Amino acid sequence: MLALTGSGAEPLEAGDPRRIGSISLAGRLGAGGMGRVYLGIRGGRYVAVKQLLSSVVGEDQDFLRRFGHELDNLARLPADATAPLLDSDRTATPPWFATAYIPGSP
């Protein structure tokens, strides 16, 4: 298993999932008003996994539609334009997506 050292991630908290989709989670990268971002491991590499908060999504079909459009647009971008979209599930409860993990500066 990859170590958290140098990844910028904090340990998972008690209420955090240990897996999202097929991705094992190793730590927490951050949280905001719309969701939480986790450090995941897929194929021996780090990935960033954003899971929307259930409280934000609720039953808001318009929000879910806009989120789906964002994922579609992200998938269309050239690989060198941003962290590439690796996986997503817009129908999960709550929805999530994973991109390549690009560590930031300390």
PDB file of N, CA and C in Angstrom:
ATOM      1  N   MET A   1       0.838  -1.187   0.000  1.00  0.00           N
ATOM      2  CA  MET A   1       0.000   0.000   0.000  1.00  0.00           C
ATOM      3  C   MET A   1       0.882   1.249   0.000  1.00  0.00           C
ATOM      4  N   LEU A   2       0.466   2.270  -0.730  1.00  0.00           N
ATOM      5  CA  LEU A   2       1.205   3.518  -0.783  1.00  0.00           C
ATOM      6  C   LEU A   2       1.079   4.256   0.543  1.00  0.00           C
ATOM      7  N   ALA A   3       2.129   4.941   0.951  1.00  0.00           N
ATOM      8  CA  ALA A   3       2.116   5.694   2.211  1.00  0.00           C
ATOM      9  C   ALA A   3       1.538   7.081   1.990  1.00  0.00           C
ATOM     10  N   LEU A   4       0.943   7.649   3.045  1.00  0.00           N
ATOM     11  CA  LEU A   4       0.399   9.003   2.971  1.00  0.00           C
ATOM     12  C   LEU A   4       1.493  10.058   3.003  1.00  0.00           C
ATOM     13  N   THR A   5       2.674   9.721   3.497  1.00  0.00           N
ATOM     14  CA  THR A   5       3.763  10.677   3.629  1.00  0.00           C
ATOM     15  C   THR A   5       4.020  11.376   2.300  1.00  0.00           C
ATOM     16  N   GLY A   6       3.982  12.692   2.337  1.00  0.00           N
ATOM     17  CA  GLY A   6       4.248  13.473   1.140  1.00  0.00           C
ATOM     18  C   GLY A   6       3.071  13.614   0.191  1.00  0.00           C
ATOM     19  N   SER A   7       1.938  13.006   0.510  1.00  0.00           N
ATOM     20  CA  SER A   7       0.782  13.067  -0.388  1.00  0.00           C
ATOM     21  C   SER A   7      -0.080  14.301  -0.144  1.00  0.00           C
ATOM     22  N   GLY A   8       0.079  14.935   1.015  1.00  0.00           N
ATOM     23  CA  GLY A   8      -0.770  16.070   1.364  1.00  0.00           C
ATOM     24  C   GLY A   8      -2.083  15.662   1.996  1.00  0.00           C
ATOM     25  N   ALA A   9      -2.283  14.373   2.211  1.00  0.00           N
ATOM     26  CA  ALA A   9      -3.551  13.870   2.759  1.00  0.00           C
ATOM     27  C   ALA A   9      -3.472  13.714   4.273  1.00  0.00           C
ATOM     28  N   GLU A  10      -4.622  13.885   4.899  1.00  0.00           N
ATOM     29  CA  GLU A  10      -4.804  13.606   6.317  1.00  0.00           C
ATOM     30  C   GLU A  10      -5.401  12.211   6.431  1.00  0.00           C
ATOM     31  N   PRO A  11      -5.263  11.577   7.575  1.00  0.00           N
ATOM     32  CA  PRO A  11      -5.896  10.262   7.750  1.00  0.00           C
ATOM     33  C   PRO A  11      -7.414  10.356   7.597  1.00  0.00           C
ATOM     34  N   LEU A  12      -8.026   9.274   7.162  1.00  0.00           N
ATOM     35  CA  LEU A  12      -9.490   9.218   7.069  1.00  0.00           C
ATOM     36  C   LEU A  12     -10.086   9.373   8.462  1.00  0.00           C
ATOM     37  N   GLU A  13     -11.236  10.025   8.531  1.00  0.00           N
ATOM     38  CA  GLU A  13     -11.948  10.188   9.794  1.00  0.00           C
ATOM     39  C   GLU A  13     -12.926   9.033   9.968  1.00  0.00           C
ATOM     40  N   ALA A  14     -13.443   8.880  11.176  1.00  0.00           N
ATOM     41  CA  ALA A  14     -14.316   7.748  11.510  1.00  0.00           C
ATOM     42  C   ALA A  14     -15.511   7.625  10.559  1.00  0.00           C
ATOM     43  N   GLY A  15     -16.111   8.721  10.158  1.00  0.00           N
ATOM     44  CA  GLY A  15     -17.296   8.675   9.296  1.00  0.00           C
ATOM     45  C   GLY A  15     -17.000   8.621   7.807  1.00  0.00           C
ATOM     46  N   ASP A  16     -15.735   8.662   7.428  1.00  0.00           N
ATOM     47  CA  ASP A  16     -15.375   8.639   6.010  1.00  0.00           C
ATOM     48  C   ASP A  16     -15.506   7.225   5.449  1.00  0.00           C
ATOM     49  N   PRO A  17     -15.890   7.129   4.170  1.00  0.00           N
ATOM     50  CA  PRO A  17     -15.923   5.808   3.539  1.00  0.00           C
ATOM     51  C   PRO A  17     -14.503   5.283   3.383  1.00  0.00           C
ATOM     52  N   ARG A  18     -14.367   4.002   3.246  1.00  0.00           N
ATOM     53  CA  ARG A  18     -13.060   3.375   3.016  1.00  0.00           C
ATOM     54  C   ARG A  18     -12.879   3.013   1.544  1.00  0.00           C
ATOM     55  N   ARG A  19     -13.969   3.147   0.794  1.00  0.00           N
ATOM     56  CA  ARG A  19     -13.981   2.812  -0.626  1.00  0.00           C
ATOM     57  C   ARG A  19     -15.104   3.631  -1.276  1.00  0.00           C
ATOM     58  N   ILE A  20     -14.841   4.117  -2.477  1.00  0.00           N
ATOM     59  CA  ILE A  20     -15.866   4.761  -3.297  1.00  0.00           C
ATOM     60  C   ILE A  20     -15.783   4.092  -4.661  1.00  0.00           C
ATOM     61  N   GLY A  21     -16.877   3.493  -5.085  1.00  0.00           N
ATOM     62  CA  GLY A  21     -16.834   2.703  -6.308  1.00  0.00           C
ATOM     63  C   GLY A  21     -15.828   1.589  -6.117  1.00  0.00           C
ATOM     64  N   SER A  22     -14.932   1.429  -7.058  1.00  0.00           N
ATOM     65  CA  SER A  22     -13.901   0.388  -6.948  1.00  0.00           C
ATOM     66  C   SER A  22     -12.584   0.937  -6.400  1.00  0.00           C
ATOM     67  N   ILE A  23     -12.599   2.182  -5.906  1.00  0.00           N
ATOM     68  CA  ILE A  23     -11.374   2.853  -5.477  1.00  0.00           C
ATOM     69  C   ILE A  23     -11.226   2.807  -3.955  1.00  0.00           C
ATOM     70  N   SER A  24     -10.115   2.257  -3.491  1.00  0.00           N
ATOM     71  CA  SER A  24      -9.799   2.245  -2.058  1.00  0.00           C
ATOM     72  C   SER A  24      -9.324   3.630  -1.655  1.00  0.00           C
ATOM     73  N   LEU A  25      -9.787   4.097  -0.513  1.00  0.00           N
ATOM     74  CA  LEU A  25      -9.394   5.419  -0.036  1.00  0.00           C
ATOM     75  C   LEU A  25      -8.281   5.306   0.993  1.00  0.00           C
ATOM     76  N   ALA A  26      -7.301   6.209   0.894  1.00  0.00           N
ATOM     77  CA  ALA A  26      -6.145   6.192   1.789  1.00  0.00           C
ATOM     78  C   ALA A  26      -6.114   7.391   2.721  1.00  0.00           C
ATOM     79  N   GLY A  27      -6.790   8.479   2.361  1.00  0.00           N
ATOM     80  CA  GLY A  27      -6.749   9.679   3.180  1.00  0.00           C
ATOM     81  C   GLY A  27      -7.730  10.719   2.682  1.00  0.00           C
ATOM     82  N   ARG A  28      -7.762  11.833   3.401  1.00  0.00           N
ATOM     83  CA  ARG A  28      -8.653  12.940   3.067  1.00  0.00           C
ATOM     84  C   ARG A  28      -7.813  14.129   2.634  1.00  0.00           C
ATOM     85  N   LEU A  29      -8.118  14.658   1.446  1.00  0.00           N
ATOM     86  CA  LEU A  29      -7.385  15.803   0.923  1.00  0.00           C
ATOM     87  C   LEU A  29      -8.035  17.126   1.291  1.00  0.00           C
ATOM     88  N   GLY A  30      -9.346  17.151   1.423  1.00  0.00           N
ATOM     89  CA  GLY A  30     -10.014  18.390   1.758  1.00  0.00           C
ATOM     90  C   GLY A  30     -11.523  18.241   1.761  1.00  0.00           C
ATOM     91  N   ALA A  31     -12.181  19.296   2.207  1.00  0.00           N
ATOM     92  CA  ALA A  31     -13.641  19.310   2.252  1.00  0.00           C
ATOM     93  C   ALA A  31     -14.104  20.740   2.013  1.00  0.00           C
ATOM     94  N   GLY A  32     -15.269  20.844   1.399  1.00  0.00           N
ATOM     95  CA  GLY A  32     -15.823  22.158   1.121  1.00  0.00           C
ATOM     96  C   GLY A  32     -17.327  22.126   1.190  1.00  0.00           C
ATOM     97  N   GLY A  33     -17.953  23.150   0.663  1.00  0.00           N
ATOM     98  CA  GLY A  33     -19.399  23.282   0.734  1.00  0.00           C
ATOM     99  C   GLY A  33     -20.164  22.286  -0.119  1.00  0.00           C
ATOM    100  N   MET A  34     -19.511  21.717  -1.146  1.00  0.00           N
ATOM    101  CA  MET A  34     -20.213  20.783  -2.038  1.00  0.00           C
ATOM    102  C   MET A  34     -19.807  19.335  -1.842  1.00  0.00           C
ATOM    103  N   GLY A  35     -18.639  19.107  -1.255  1.00  0.00           N
ATOM    104  CA  GLY A  35     -18.214  17.721  -1.133  1.00  0.00           C
ATOM    105  C   GLY A  35     -16.901  17.562  -0.408  1.00  0.00           C
ATOM    106  N   ARG A  36     -16.432  16.339  -0.424  1.00  0.00           N
ATOM    107  CA  ARG A  36     -15.153  15.981   0.177  1.00  0.00           C
ATOM    108  C   ARG A  36     -14.267  15.384  -0.909  1.00  0.00           C
ATOM    109  N   VAL A  37     -12.974  15.632  -0.778  1.00  0.00           N
ATOM    110  CA  VAL A  37     -12.009  15.085  -1.728  1.00  0.00           C
ATOM    111  C   VAL A  37     -11.089  14.143  -0.968  1.00  0.00           C
ATOM    112  N   TYR A  38     -10.997  12.931  -1.474  1.00  0.00           N
ATOM    113  CA  TYR A  38     -10.194  11.888  -0.849  1.00  0.00           C
ATOM    114  C   TYR A  38      -9.021  11.513  -1.733  1.00  0.00           C
ATOM    115  N   LEU A  39      -7.984  10.988  -1.097  1.00  0.00           N
ATOM    116  CA  LEU A  39      -6.873  10.400  -1.813  1.00  0.00           C
ATOM    117  C   LEU A  39      -7.185   8.922  -1.964  1.00  0.00           C
ATOM    118  N   GLY A  40      -7.315   8.484  -3.194  1.00  0.00           N
ATOM    119  CA  GLY A  40      -7.628   7.089  -3.464  1.00  0.00           C
ATOM    120  C   GLY A  40      -6.449   6.392  -4.120  1.00  0.00           C
ATOM    121  N   ILE A  41      -6.543   5.073  -4.181  1.00  0.00           N
ATOM    122  CA  ILE A  41      -5.512   4.283  -4.843  1.00  0.00           C
ATOM    123  C   ILE A  41      -6.193   3.382  -5.862  1.00  0.00           C
ATOM    124  N   ARG A  42      -5.725   3.512  -7.083  1.00  0.00           N
ATOM    125  CA  ARG A  42      -6.281   2.716  -8.187  1.00  0.00           C
ATOM    126  C   ARG A  42      -5.125   2.264  -9.070  1.00  0.00           C
ATOM    127  N   GLY A  43      -4.993   0.975  -9.243  1.00  0.00           N
ATOM    128  CA  GLY A  43      -3.918   0.453 -10.079  1.00  0.00           C
ATOM    129  C   GLY A  43      -2.538   0.821  -9.573  1.00  0.00           C
ATOM    130  N   GLY A  44      -2.374   0.924  -8.251  1.00  0.00           N
ATOM    131  CA  GLY A  44      -1.076   1.248  -7.670  1.00  0.00           C
ATOM    132  C   GLY A  44      -0.697   2.716  -7.741  1.00  0.00           C
ATOM    133  N   ARG A  45      -1.634   3.569  -8.155  1.00  0.00           N
ATOM    134  CA  ARG A  45      -1.368   5.015  -8.260  1.00  0.00           C
ATOM    135  C   ARG A  45      -2.403   5.801  -7.465  1.00  0.00           C
ATOM    136  N   TYR A  46      -1.968   6.960  -7.014  1.00  0.00           N
ATOM    137  CA  TYR A  46      -2.898   7.857  -6.336  1.00  0.00           C
ATOM    138  C   TYR A  46      -3.883   8.462  -7.325  1.00  0.00           C
ATOM    139  N   VAL A  47      -5.113   8.634  -6.878  1.00  0.00           N
ATOM    140  CA  VAL A  47      -6.138   9.364  -7.615  1.00  0.00           C
ATOM    141  C   VAL A  47      -6.851  10.278  -6.626  1.00  0.00           C
ATOM    142  N   ALA A  48      -7.436  11.350  -7.118  1.00  0.00           N
ATOM    143  CA  ALA A  48      -8.251  12.244  -6.300  1.00  0.00           C
ATOM    144  C   ALA A  48      -9.711  11.882  -6.547  1.00  0.00           C
ATOM    145  N   VAL A  49     -10.450  11.656  -5.475  1.00  0.00           N
ATOM    146  CA  VAL A  49     -11.852  11.243  -5.579  1.00  0.00           C
ATOM    147  C   VAL A  49     -12.715  12.286  -4.875  1.00  0.00           C
ATOM    148  N   LYS A  50     -13.587  12.946  -5.633  1.00  0.00           N
ATOM    149  CA  LYS A  50     -14.508  13.921  -5.043  1.00  0.00           C
ATOM    150  C   LYS A  50     -15.881  13.286  -4.932  1.00  0.00           C
ATOM    151  N   GLN A  51     -16.409  13.292  -3.712  1.00  0.00           N
ATOM    152  CA  GLN A  51     -17.750  12.774  -3.462  1.00  0.00           C
ATOM    153  C   GLN A  51     -18.612  13.944  -2.992  1.00  0.00           C
ATOM    154  N   LEU A  52     -19.708  14.163  -3.705  1.00  0.00           N
ATOM    155  CA  LEU A  52     -20.604  15.248  -3.331  1.00  0.00           C
ATOM    156  C   LEU A  52     -21.298  14.934  -2.012  1.00  0.00           C
ATOM    157  N   LEU A  53     -21.642  15.973  -1.272  1.00  0.00           N
ATOM    158  CA  LEU A  53     -22.374  15.798  -0.024  1.00  0.00           C
ATOM    159  C   LEU A  53     -23.834  15.483  -0.324  1.00  0.00           C
ATOM    160  N   SER A  54     -24.373  14.517   0.383  1.00  0.00           N
ATOM    161  CA  SER A  54     -25.786  14.153   0.202  1.00  0.00           C
ATOM    162  C   SER A  54     -26.686  15.349   0.460  1.00  0.00           C
ATOM    163  N   SER A  55     -26.301  16.188   1.416  1.00  0.00           N
ATOM    164  CA  SER A  55     -27.125  17.351   1.754  1.00  0.00           C
ATOM    165  C   SER A  55     -27.190  18.360   0.613  1.00  0.00           C
ATOM    166  N   VAL A  56     -26.184  18.400  -0.223  1.00  0.00           N
ATOM    167  CA  VAL A  56     -26.167  19.319  -1.368  1.00  0.00           C
ATOM    168  C   VAL A  56     -26.979  18.745  -2.517  1.00  0.00           C
ATOM    169  N   VAL A  57     -26.827  17.462  -2.755  1.00  0.00           N
ATOM    170  CA  VAL A  57     -27.490  16.815  -3.881  1.00  0.00           C
ATOM    171  C   VAL A  57     -28.979  16.672  -3.625  1.00  0.00           C
ATOM    172  N   GLY A  58     -29.320  16.070  -2.474  1.00  0.00           N
ATOM    173  CA  GLY A  58     -30.730  15.852  -2.149  1.00  0.00           C
ATOM    174  C   GLY A  58     -31.483  15.247  -3.304  1.00  0.00           C
ATOM    175  N   GLU A  59     -32.600  15.774  -3.581  1.00  0.00           N
ATOM    176  CA  GLU A  59     -33.434  15.321  -4.701  1.00  0.00           C
ATOM    177  C   GLU A  59     -33.460  16.359  -5.815  1.00  0.00           C
ATOM    178  N   ASP A  60     -32.432  17.206  -5.867  1.00  0.00           N
ATOM    179  CA  ASP A  60     -32.374  18.303  -6.828  1.00  0.00           C
ATOM    180  C   ASP A  60     -31.943  17.788  -8.201  1.00  0.00           C
ATOM    181  N   GLN A  61     -32.890  17.471  -9.028  1.00  0.00           N
ATOM    182  CA  GLN A  61     -32.598  16.920 -10.354  1.00  0.00           C
ATOM    183  C   GLN A  61     -31.854  17.914 -11.244  1.00  0.00           C
ATOM    184  N   ASP A  62     -32.109  19.222 -11.057  1.00  0.00           N
ATOM    185  CA  ASP A  62     -31.407  20.228 -11.840  1.00  0.00           C
ATOM    186  C   ASP A  62     -29.919  20.229 -11.475  1.00  0.00           C
ATOM    187  N   PHE A  63     -29.620  20.124 -10.189  1.00  0.00           N
ATOM    188  CA  PHE A  63     -28.233  20.040  -9.742  1.00  0.00           C
ATOM    189  C   PHE A  63     -27.553  18.811 -10.342  1.00  0.00           C
ATOM    190  N   LEU A  64     -28.213  17.682 -10.285  1.00  0.00           N
ATOM    191  CA  LEU A  64     -27.655  16.449 -10.831  1.00  0.00           C
ATOM    192  C   LEU A  64     -27.424  16.547 -12.335  1.00  0.00           C
ATOM    193  N   ARG A  65     -28.314  17.212 -13.032  1.00  0.00           N
ATOM    194  CA  ARG A  65     -28.148  17.419 -14.471  1.00  0.00           C
ATOM    195  C   ARG A  65     -26.921  18.278 -14.745  1.00  0.00           C
ATOM    196  N   ARG A  66     -26.762  19.379 -13.997  1.00  0.00           N
ATOM    197  CA  ARG A  66     -25.595  20.253 -14.171  1.00  0.00           C
ATOM    198  C   ARG A  66     -24.301  19.509 -13.833  1.00  0.00           C
ATOM    199  N   PHE A  67     -24.333  18.704 -12.782  1.00  0.00           N
ATOM    200  CA  PHE A  67     -23.171  17.906 -12.403  1.00  0.00           C
ATOM    201  C   PHE A  67     -22.800  16.948 -13.536  1.00  0.00           C
ATOM    202  N   GLY A  68     -23.789  16.311 -14.133  1.00  0.00           N
ATOM    203  CA  GLY A  68     -23.548  15.421 -15.268  1.00  0.00           C
ATOM    204  C   GLY A  68     -22.914  16.148 -16.438  1.00  0.00           C
ATOM    205  N   HIS A  69     -23.377  17.376 -16.719  1.00  0.00           N
ATOM    206  CA  HIS A  69     -22.783  18.176 -17.793  1.00  0.00           C
ATOM    207  C   HIS A  69     -21.328  18.513 -17.481  1.00  0.00           C
ATOM    208  N   GLU A  70     -21.049  18.823 -16.223  1.00  0.00           N
ATOM    209  CA  GLU A  70     -19.663  19.116 -15.821  1.00  0.00           C
ATOM    210  C   GLU A  70     -18.768  17.904 -16.076  1.00  0.00           C
ATOM    211  N   LEU A  71     -19.254  16.718 -15.723  1.00  0.00           N
ATOM    212  CA  LEU A  71     -18.468  15.504 -15.968  1.00  0.00           C
ATOM    213  C   LEU A  71     -18.265  15.279 -17.460  1.00  0.00           C
ATOM    214  N   ASP A  72     -19.300  15.488 -18.246  1.00  0.00           N
ATOM    215  CA  ASP A  72     -19.183  15.337 -19.697  1.00  0.00           C
ATOM    216  C   ASP A  72     -18.134  16.299 -20.258  1.00  0.00           C
ATOM    217  N   ASN A  73     -18.163  17.549 -19.782  1.00  0.00           N
ATOM    218  CA  ASN A  73     -17.199  18.548 -20.250  1.00  0.00           C
ATOM    219  C   ASN A  73     -15.784  18.200 -19.811  1.00  0.00           C
ATOM    220  N   LEU A  74     -15.620  17.737 -18.589  1.00  0.00           N
ATOM    221  CA  LEU A  74     -14.305  17.338 -18.096  1.00  0.00           C
ATOM    222  C   LEU A  74     -13.739  16.192 -18.928  1.00  0.00           C
ATOM    223  N   ALA A  75     -14.576  15.251 -19.282  1.00  0.00           N
ATOM    224  CA  ALA A  75     -14.126  14.098 -20.073  1.00  0.00           C
ATOM    225  C   ALA A  75     -13.687  14.503 -21.485  1.00  0.00           C
ATOM    226  N   ARG A  76     -14.210  15.615 -21.999  1.00  0.00           N
ATOM    227  CA  ARG A  76     -13.877  16.064 -23.357  1.00  0.00           C
ATOM    228  C   ARG A  76     -12.572  16.844 -23.443  1.00  0.00           C
ATOM    229  N   LEU A  77     -12.077  17.340 -22.307  1.00  0.00           N
ATOM    230  CA  LEU A  77     -10.875  18.167 -22.333  1.00  0.00           C
ATOM    231  C   LEU A  77      -9.651  17.356 -22.727  1.00  0.00           C
ATOM    232  N   PRO A  78      -8.705  17.980 -23.418  1.00  0.00           N
ATOM    233  CA  PRO A  78      -7.464  17.283 -23.748  1.00  0.00           C
ATOM    234  C   PRO A  78      -6.736  16.854 -22.465  1.00  0.00           C
ATOM    235  N   ALA A  79      -6.028  15.750 -22.524  1.00  0.00           N
ATOM    236  CA  ALA A  79      -5.358  15.186 -21.341  1.00  0.00           C
ATOM    237  C   ALA A  79      -4.394  16.172 -20.693  1.00  0.00           C
ATOM    238  N   ASP A  80      -3.776  17.055 -21.481  1.00  0.00           N
ATOM    239  CA  ASP A  80      -2.811  17.987 -20.903  1.00  0.00           C
ATOM    240  C   ASP A  80      -3.450  19.285 -20.406  1.00  0.00           C
ATOM    241  N   ALA A  81      -4.768  19.418 -20.503  1.00  0.00           N
ATOM    242  CA  ALA A  81      -5.451  20.637 -20.076  1.00  0.00           C
ATOM    243  C   ALA A  81      -5.785  20.637 -18.585  1.00  0.00           C
ATOM    244  N   THR A  82      -5.946  19.473 -18.013  1.00  0.00           N
ATOM    245  CA  THR A  82      -6.336  19.358 -16.609  1.00  0.00           C
ATOM    246  C   THR A  82      -6.044  17.935 -16.150  1.00  0.00           C
ATOM    247  N   ALA A  83      -6.296  17.676 -14.882  1.00  0.00           N
ATOM    248  CA  ALA A  83      -6.169  16.294 -14.407  1.00  0.00           C
ATOM    249  C   ALA A  83      -7.247  15.471 -15.100  1.00  0.00           C
ATOM    250  N   PRO A  84      -6.879  14.408 -15.793  1.00  0.00           N
ATOM    251  CA  PRO A  84      -7.877  13.657 -16.564  1.00  0.00           C
ATOM    252  C   PRO A  84      -8.902  12.941 -15.673  1.00  0.00           C
ATOM    253  N   LEU A  85     -10.129  12.931 -16.149  1.00  0.00           N
ATOM    254  CA  LEU A  85     -11.203  12.185 -15.498  1.00  0.00           C
ATOM    255  C   LEU A  85     -10.939  10.699 -15.707  1.00  0.00           C
ATOM    256  N   LEU A  86     -10.893   9.940 -14.613  1.00  0.00           N
ATOM    257  CA  LEU A  86     -10.601   8.513 -14.688  1.00  0.00           C
ATOM    258  C   LEU A  86     -11.831   7.639 -14.511  1.00  0.00           C
ATOM    259  N   ASP A  87     -12.766   8.106 -13.695  1.00  0.00           N
ATOM    260  CA  ASP A  87     -13.951   7.304 -13.393  1.00  0.00           C
ATOM    261  C   ASP A  87     -14.979   8.213 -12.749  1.00  0.00           C
ATOM    262  N   SER A  88     -16.230   7.816 -12.792  1.00  0.00           N
ATOM    263  CA  SER A  88     -17.279   8.587 -12.127  1.00  0.00           C
ATOM    264  C   SER A  88     -18.536   7.738 -12.024  1.00  0.00           C
ATOM    265  N   ASP A  89     -19.408   8.167 -11.131  1.00  0.00           N
ATOM    266  CA  ASP A  89     -20.735   7.559 -11.041  1.00  0.00           C
ATOM    267  C   ASP A  89     -21.709   8.652 -10.647  1.00  0.00           C
ATOM    268  N   ARG A  90     -22.365   9.193 -11.653  1.00  0.00           N
ATOM    269  CA  ARG A  90     -23.318  10.286 -11.419  1.00  0.00           C
ATOM    270  C   ARG A  90     -24.637   9.782 -10.854  1.00  0.00           C
ATOM    271  N   THR A  91     -24.840   8.456 -10.864  1.00  0.00           N
ATOM    272  CA  THR A  91     -26.085   7.904 -10.316  1.00  0.00           C
ATOM    273  C   THR A  91     -25.900   7.342  -8.911  1.00  0.00           C
ATOM    274  N   ALA A  92     -24.663   7.360  -8.404  1.00  0.00           N
ATOM    275  CA  ALA A  92     -24.407   6.872  -7.036  1.00  0.00           C
ATOM    276  C   ALA A  92     -25.063   7.819  -6.033  1.00  0.00           C
ATOM    277  N   THR A  93     -25.256   7.321  -4.834  1.00  0.00           N
ATOM    278  CA  THR A  93     -25.817   8.146  -3.767  1.00  0.00           C
ATOM    279  C   THR A  93     -24.788   8.246  -2.654  1.00  0.00           C
ATOM    280  N   PRO A  94     -24.045   9.319  -2.580  1.00  0.00           N
ATOM    281  CA  PRO A  94     -24.015  10.496  -3.457  1.00  0.00           C
ATOM    282  C   PRO A  94     -23.081  10.291  -4.657  1.00  0.00           C
ATOM    283  N   PRO A  95     -23.250  11.133  -5.686  1.00  0.00           N
ATOM    284  CA  PRO A  95     -22.410  11.032  -6.883  1.00  0.00           C
ATOM    285  C   PRO A  95     -20.949  11.350  -6.563  1.00  0.00           C
ATOM    286  N   TRP A  96     -20.062  10.854  -7.421  1.00  0.00           N
ATOM    287  CA  TRP A  96     -18.635  11.077  -7.235  1.00  0.00           C
ATOM    288  C   TRP A  96     -17.915  11.015  -8.572  1.00  0.00           C
ATOM    289  N   PHE A  97     -16.657  11.505  -8.562  1.00  0.00           N
ATOM    290  CA  PHE A  97     -15.795  11.330  -9.723  1.00  0.00           C
ATOM    291  C   PHE A  97     -14.347  11.261  -9.259  1.00  0.00           C
ATOM    292  N   ALA A  98     -13.512  10.646 -10.077  1.00  0.00           N
ATOM    293  CA  ALA A  98     -12.096  10.493  -9.778  1.00  0.00           C
ATOM    294  C   ALA A  98     -11.261  11.043 -10.924  1.00  0.00           C
ATOM    295  N   THR A  99     -10.213  11.757 -10.557  1.00  0.00           N
ATOM    296  CA  THR A  99      -9.261  12.273 -11.531  1.00  0.00           C
ATOM    297  C   THR A  99      -7.856  11.822 -11.141  1.00  0.00           C
ATOM    298  N   ALA A 100      -6.927  11.994 -12.057  1.00  0.00           N
ATOM    299  CA  ALA A 100      -5.527  11.761 -11.695  1.00  0.00           C
ATOM    300  C   ALA A 100      -5.192  12.695 -10.536  1.00  0.00           C
ATOM    301  N   TYR A 101      -4.351  12.219  -9.639  1.00  0.00           N
ATOM    302  CA  TYR A 101      -3.927  13.038  -8.497  1.00  0.00           C
ATOM    303  C   TYR A 101      -2.651  13.781  -8.863  1.00  0.00           C
ATOM    304  N   ILE A 102      -2.704  15.096  -8.706  1.00  0.00           N
ATOM    305  CA  ILE A 102      -1.540  15.936  -8.960  1.00  0.00           C
ATOM    306  C   ILE A 102      -1.231  16.674  -7.669  1.00  0.00           C
ATOM    307  N   PRO A 103      -0.144  16.283  -6.981  1.00  0.00           N
ATOM    308  CA  PRO A 103       0.161  16.924  -5.693  1.00  0.00           C
ATOM    309  C   PRO A 103       0.436  18.403  -5.868  1.00  0.00           C
ATOM    310  N   GLY A 104      -0.032  19.186  -4.897  1.00  0.00           N
ATOM    311  CA  GLY A 104       0.218  20.624  -4.895  1.00  0.00           C
ATOM    312  C   GLY A 104       1.480  20.959  -4.143  1.00  0.00           C
ATOM    313  N   SER A 105       1.826  22.222  -4.158  1.00  0.00           N
ATOM    314  CA  SER A 105       3.000  22.698  -3.412  1.00  0.00           C
ATOM    315  C   SER A 105       2.655  22.853  -1.952  1.00  0.00           C
ATOM    316  N   PRO A 106       3.602  22.511  -1.060  1.00  0.00           N
ATOM    317  CA  PRO A 106       3.346  22.696   0.384  1.00  0.00           C
ATOM    318  C   PRO A 106       3.294  24.156   0.750  1.00  0.00           C
TER     319      PRO A 106
END
